[in-house]
């Protein structure tokens, strides 16, 4: 390792910190949660529209959609996975929920969205050689922000099933 690489590693700002020690947000961050609230709400609205129209066998489908959306919105747990802001992103992927990883955009070498059968994964390679990752369920929810703040650093992966 040459002296320049040592200086980069020593000056890394990306680190694991307590959630309570996160810097104050200058702007409202974009957040990615486990539960797709917008989709579930739209599913409930669509089910309600099917009930209102009262077309033949659609009443049963409408009731089913309403019940599933209400159950999912009210009973299933939700948790924060990732937050983005113009300076850095925060990964809430630790077993200890009081910890999070703060990753600054300029310290990302590459990022890759990996597809798996049970869940997908976002892997970030950092300047110091470490890899930070978080389980996700949709590339669309994070790709726009990664392309905006870490442009040209995506490593394309083929869709595969594990």
C-alpha atoms as a PDB file:
ATOM      1  CA  UNK A   1       0.000   0.000   0.000  1.00  0.00           C
ATOM      2  CA  UNK A   2       1.472   3.329  -1.008  1.00  0.00           C
ATOM      3  CA  UNK A   3       1.295   6.478   1.179  1.00  0.00           C
ATOM      4  CA  UNK A   4      -1.484   7.982  -0.956  1.00  0.00           C
ATOM      5  CA  UNK A   5      -3.759   4.983  -0.342  1.00  0.00           C
ATOM      6  CA  UNK A   6      -3.041   5.144   3.401  1.00  0.00           C
ATOM      7  CA  UNK A   7      -4.031   8.822   3.448  1.00  0.00           C
ATOM      8  CA  UNK A   8      -7.297   8.028   1.662  1.00  0.00           C
ATOM      9  CA  UNK A   9      -8.149   5.226   4.088  1.00  0.00           C
ATOM     10  CA  UNK A  10      -7.301   7.356   7.127  1.00  0.00           C
ATOM     11  CA  UNK A  11      -9.440  10.218   5.857  1.00  0.00           C
ATOM     12  CA  UNK A  12     -12.551   8.116   5.171  1.00  0.00           C
ATOM     13  CA  UNK A  13     -15.662   9.859   6.476  1.00  0.00           C
ATOM     14  CA  UNK A  14     -17.933   6.865   5.821  1.00  0.00           C
ATOM     15  CA  UNK A  15     -18.427   4.918   9.027  1.00  0.00           C
ATOM     16  CA  UNK A  16     -20.779   3.050  11.330  1.00  0.00           C
ATOM     17  CA  UNK A  17     -22.400   5.403  13.839  1.00  0.00           C
ATOM     18  CA  UNK A  18     -25.307   5.467  16.271  1.00  0.00           C
ATOM     19  CA  UNK A  19     -28.566   6.552  14.660  1.00  0.00           C
ATOM     20  CA  UNK A  20     -28.940   9.294  17.270  1.00  0.00           C
ATOM     21  CA  UNK A  21     -25.592  10.781  16.111  1.00  0.00           C
ATOM     22  CA  UNK A  22     -26.645  11.296  12.495  1.00  0.00           C
ATOM     23  CA  UNK A  23     -26.055  14.860  11.293  1.00  0.00           C
ATOM     24  CA  UNK A  24     -29.123  17.068  10.990  1.00  0.00           C
ATOM     25  CA  UNK A  25     -30.768  16.786   7.569  1.00  0.00           C
ATOM     26  CA  UNK A  26     -30.466  19.977   5.518  1.00  0.00           C
ATOM     27  CA  UNK A  27     -33.265  18.803   3.225  1.00  0.00           C
ATOM     28  CA  UNK A  28     -35.962  16.185   3.583  1.00  0.00           C
ATOM     29  CA  UNK A  29     -34.235  12.896   2.719  1.00  0.00           C
ATOM     30  CA  UNK A  30     -35.681  10.333   0.348  1.00  0.00           C
ATOM     31  CA  UNK A  31     -36.362   7.184   2.353  1.00  0.00           C
ATOM     32  CA  UNK A  32     -36.770   3.558   1.293  1.00  0.00           C
ATOM     33  CA  UNK A  33     -38.848   1.362   3.587  1.00  0.00           C
ATOM     34  CA  UNK A  34     -39.650  -2.350   3.565  1.00  0.00           C
ATOM     35  CA  UNK A  35     -43.397  -1.811   3.151  1.00  0.00           C
ATOM     36  CA  UNK A  36     -44.574  -0.421  -0.238  1.00  0.00           C
ATOM     37  CA  UNK A  37     -47.185   1.955   1.212  1.00  0.00           C
ATOM     38  CA  UNK A  38     -48.094   3.648  -2.099  1.00  0.00           C
ATOM     39  CA  UNK A  39     -48.703   0.318  -3.857  1.00  0.00           C
ATOM     40  CA  UNK A  40     -50.794  -1.037  -0.968  1.00  0.00           C
ATOM     41  CA  UNK A  41     -52.870   2.147  -0.838  1.00  0.00           C
ATOM     42  CA  UNK A  42     -53.503   2.032  -4.587  1.00  0.00           C
ATOM     43  CA  UNK A  43     -54.473  -1.637  -4.280  1.00  0.00           C
ATOM     44  CA  UNK A  44     -57.043  -0.723  -1.605  1.00  0.00           C
ATOM     45  CA  UNK A  45     -58.432   2.104  -3.757  1.00  0.00           C
ATOM     46  CA  UNK A  46     -58.690  -0.212  -6.771  1.00  0.00           C
ATOM     47  CA  UNK A  47     -60.513  -2.797  -4.625  1.00  0.00           C
ATOM     48  CA  UNK A  48     -62.922  -0.089  -3.462  1.00  0.00           C
ATOM     49  CA  UNK A  49     -63.592   0.926  -7.064  1.00  0.00           C
ATOM     50  CA  UNK A  50     -64.385  -2.701  -7.906  1.00  0.00           C
ATOM     51  CA  UNK A  51     -66.899  -2.778  -5.038  1.00  0.00           C
ATOM     52  CA  UNK A  52     -68.521   0.485  -6.123  1.00  0.00           C
ATOM     53  CA  UNK A  53     -69.017  -0.646  -9.729  1.00  0.00           C
ATOM     54  CA  UNK A  54     -70.676  -3.927  -8.540  1.00  0.00           C
ATOM     55  CA  UNK A  55     -69.845  -5.864 -11.683  1.00  0.00           C
ATOM     56  CA  UNK A  56     -70.534  -9.592 -11.351  1.00  0.00           C
ATOM     57  CA  UNK A  57     -67.601 -11.514  -9.871  1.00  0.00           C
ATOM     58  CA  UNK A  58     -65.549  -8.397  -9.237  1.00  0.00           C
ATOM     59  CA  UNK A  59     -67.080  -7.836  -5.777  1.00  0.00           C
ATOM     60  CA  UNK A  60     -65.140 -10.801  -4.347  1.00  0.00           C
ATOM     61  CA  UNK A  61     -61.900  -9.618  -5.928  1.00  0.00           C
ATOM     62  CA  UNK A  62     -62.507  -6.094  -4.639  1.00  0.00           C
ATOM     63  CA  UNK A  63     -63.105  -7.361  -1.079  1.00  0.00           C
ATOM     64  CA  UNK A  64     -59.949  -9.480  -1.266  1.00  0.00           C
ATOM     65  CA  UNK A  65     -57.836  -6.535  -2.438  1.00  0.00           C
ATOM     66  CA  UNK A  66     -59.215  -4.291   0.304  1.00  0.00           C
ATOM     67  CA  UNK A  67     -58.608  -6.897   3.025  1.00  0.00           C
ATOM     68  CA  UNK A  68     -55.044  -7.619   1.899  1.00  0.00           C
ATOM     69  CA  UNK A  69     -54.141  -3.930   1.669  1.00  0.00           C
ATOM     70  CA  UNK A  70     -55.658  -3.071   5.071  1.00  0.00           C
ATOM     71  CA  UNK A  71     -53.985  -6.062   6.723  1.00  0.00           C
ATOM     72  CA  UNK A  72     -50.620  -5.203   5.166  1.00  0.00           C
ATOM     73  CA  UNK A  73     -50.798  -1.515   6.032  1.00  0.00           C
ATOM     74  CA  UNK A  74     -51.946  -1.992   9.620  1.00  0.00           C
ATOM     75  CA  UNK A  75     -50.484  -5.297  10.784  1.00  0.00           C
ATOM     76  CA  UNK A  76     -47.215  -5.993   8.970  1.00  0.00           C
ATOM     77  CA  UNK A  77     -44.079  -4.351  10.370  1.00  0.00           C
ATOM     78  CA  UNK A  78     -42.202  -1.672   8.481  1.00  0.00           C
ATOM     79  CA  UNK A  79     -38.647  -0.470   8.880  1.00  0.00           C
ATOM     80  CA  UNK A  80     -36.350   2.035   7.298  1.00  0.00           C
ATOM     81  CA  UNK A  81     -33.711   0.581   4.924  1.00  0.00           C
ATOM     82  CA  UNK A  82     -31.950   3.533   3.257  1.00  0.00           C
ATOM     83  CA  UNK A  83     -32.055   7.334   3.256  1.00  0.00           C
ATOM     84  CA  UNK A  84     -30.504   9.622   0.630  1.00  0.00           C
ATOM     85  CA  UNK A  85     -29.471  13.257   0.759  1.00  0.00           C
ATOM     86  CA  UNK A  86     -27.107  15.344  -1.434  1.00  0.00           C
ATOM     87  CA  UNK A  87     -24.043  14.713   0.793  1.00  0.00           C
ATOM     88  CA  UNK A  88     -24.347  11.046   1.781  1.00  0.00           C
ATOM     89  CA  UNK A  89     -26.600   8.029   2.145  1.00  0.00           C
ATOM     90  CA  UNK A  90     -27.483   6.158   5.322  1.00  0.00           C
ATOM     91  CA  UNK A  91     -27.832   2.361   5.429  1.00  0.00           C
ATOM     92  CA  UNK A  92     -29.904   0.906   8.260  1.00  0.00           C
ATOM     93  CA  UNK A  93     -28.728  -2.678   7.791  1.00  0.00           C
ATOM     94  CA  UNK A  94     -27.289  -3.584  11.176  1.00  0.00           C
ATOM     95  CA  UNK A  95     -28.589  -6.228  13.553  1.00  0.00           C
ATOM     96  CA  UNK A  96     -28.377  -3.624  16.285  1.00  0.00           C
ATOM     97  CA  UNK A  97     -31.120  -1.194  15.218  1.00  0.00           C
ATOM     98  CA  UNK A  98     -29.416   1.662  17.055  1.00  0.00           C
ATOM     99  CA  UNK A  99     -26.528   1.569  14.495  1.00  0.00           C
ATOM    100  CA  UNK A 100     -26.394   2.740  10.894  1.00  0.00           C
ATOM    101  CA  UNK A 101     -23.742   3.215   8.210  1.00  0.00           C
ATOM    102  CA  UNK A 102     -23.185   6.649   6.749  1.00  0.00           C
ATOM    103  CA  UNK A 103     -21.651   6.495   3.251  1.00  0.00           C
ATOM    104  CA  UNK A 104     -20.448   9.651   1.498  1.00  0.00           C
ATOM    105  CA  UNK A 105     -20.963   9.801  -2.267  1.00  0.00           C
ATOM    106  CA  UNK A 106     -17.338  10.655  -3.095  1.00  0.00           C
ATOM    107  CA  UNK A 107     -16.102   7.541  -1.248  1.00  0.00           C
ATOM    108  CA  UNK A 108     -18.119   5.095  -3.389  1.00  0.00           C
ATOM    109  CA  UNK A 109     -15.963   3.336  -5.973  1.00  0.00           C
ATOM    110  CA  UNK A 110     -18.719   1.187  -7.490  1.00  0.00           C
ATOM    111  CA  UNK A 111     -22.275   0.160  -6.727  1.00  0.00           C
ATOM    112  CA  UNK A 112     -24.147  -2.895  -7.918  1.00  0.00           C
ATOM    113  CA  UNK A 113     -27.737  -4.024  -7.570  1.00  0.00           C
ATOM    114  CA  UNK A 114     -27.787  -7.810  -7.261  1.00  0.00           C
ATOM    115  CA  UNK A 115     -30.909  -9.851  -7.961  1.00  0.00           C
ATOM    116  CA  UNK A 116     -31.665 -12.914  -5.814  1.00  0.00           C
ATOM    117  CA  UNK A 117     -34.726 -15.167  -5.415  1.00  0.00           C
ATOM    118  CA  UNK A 118     -35.679 -14.150  -1.866  1.00  0.00           C
ATOM    119  CA  UNK A 119     -34.471 -10.536  -1.794  1.00  0.00           C
ATOM    120  CA  UNK A 120     -32.231  -8.228  -3.760  1.00  0.00           C
ATOM    121  CA  UNK A 121     -29.094  -6.558  -2.482  1.00  0.00           C
ATOM    122  CA  UNK A 122     -27.379  -3.241  -3.075  1.00  0.00           C
ATOM    123  CA  UNK A 123     -23.599  -3.583  -2.702  1.00  0.00           C
ATOM    124  CA  UNK A 124     -21.391  -0.496  -2.397  1.00  0.00           C
ATOM    125  CA  UNK A 125     -17.605  -0.799  -2.784  1.00  0.00           C
ATOM    126  CA  UNK A 126     -15.797   1.962  -0.917  1.00  0.00           C
ATOM    127  CA  UNK A 127     -12.348   3.548  -1.294  1.00  0.00           C
ATOM    128  CA  UNK A 128     -10.895   1.594   1.626  1.00  0.00           C
ATOM    129  CA  UNK A 129     -11.832  -1.740  -0.008  1.00  0.00           C
ATOM    130  CA  UNK A 130     -14.816  -2.495   2.226  1.00  0.00           C
ATOM    131  CA  UNK A 131     -18.222  -3.433   0.871  1.00  0.00           C
ATOM    132  CA  UNK A 132     -21.398  -2.082   2.438  1.00  0.00           C
ATOM    133  CA  UNK A 133     -24.644  -3.792   1.513  1.00  0.00           C
ATOM    134  CA  UNK A 134     -28.330  -3.605   2.269  1.00  0.00           C
ATOM    135  CA  UNK A 135     -31.225  -5.881   1.335  1.00  0.00           C
ATOM    136  CA  UNK A 136     -33.785  -4.227  -0.920  1.00  0.00           C
ATOM    137  CA  UNK A 137     -36.828  -5.234  -2.898  1.00  0.00           C
ATOM    138  CA  UNK A 138     -36.755  -2.823  -5.837  1.00  0.00           C
ATOM    139  CA  UNK A 139     -33.913  -1.317  -7.837  1.00  0.00           C
ATOM    140  CA  UNK A 140     -36.194   1.481  -8.964  1.00  0.00           C
ATOM    141  CA  UNK A 141     -36.401   2.870  -5.423  1.00  0.00           C
ATOM    142  CA  UNK A 142     -32.635   3.517  -5.219  1.00  0.00           C
ATOM    143  CA  UNK A 143     -31.233   3.652  -8.770  1.00  0.00           C
ATOM    144  CA  UNK A 144     -32.355   7.229  -9.473  1.00  0.00           C
ATOM    145  CA  UNK A 145     -30.497   8.590  -6.433  1.00  0.00           C
ATOM    146  CA  UNK A 146     -27.385   6.495  -6.999  1.00  0.00           C
ATOM    147  CA  UNK A 147     -27.227   7.603 -10.639  1.00  0.00           C
ATOM    148  CA  UNK A 148     -27.716  11.215  -9.553  1.00  0.00           C
ATOM    149  CA  UNK A 149     -25.152  11.311  -6.727  1.00  0.00           C
ATOM    150  CA  UNK A 150     -22.694   8.569  -7.811  1.00  0.00           C
ATOM    151  CA  UNK A 151     -22.889   8.744 -11.621  1.00  0.00           C
ATOM    152  CA  UNK A 152     -20.956   6.283 -13.751  1.00  0.00           C
ATOM    153  CA  UNK A 153     -20.145   3.995 -10.818  1.00  0.00           C
ATOM    154  CA  UNK A 154     -22.747   1.300 -11.457  1.00  0.00           C
ATOM    155  CA  UNK A 155     -21.526  -2.210 -12.198  1.00  0.00           C
ATOM    156  CA  UNK A 156     -24.218  -3.892 -14.286  1.00  0.00           C
ATOM    157  CA  UNK A 157     -25.283  -7.330 -13.124  1.00  0.00           C
ATOM    158  CA  UNK A 158     -27.355  -9.859 -14.967  1.00  0.00           C
ATOM    159  CA  UNK A 159     -30.603 -11.001 -13.413  1.00  0.00           C
ATOM    160  CA  UNK A 160     -30.090 -14.322 -11.721  1.00  0.00           C
ATOM    161  CA  UNK A 161     -32.037 -16.506  -9.352  1.00  0.00           C
ATOM    162  CA  UNK A 162     -30.335 -17.954  -6.259  1.00  0.00           C
END
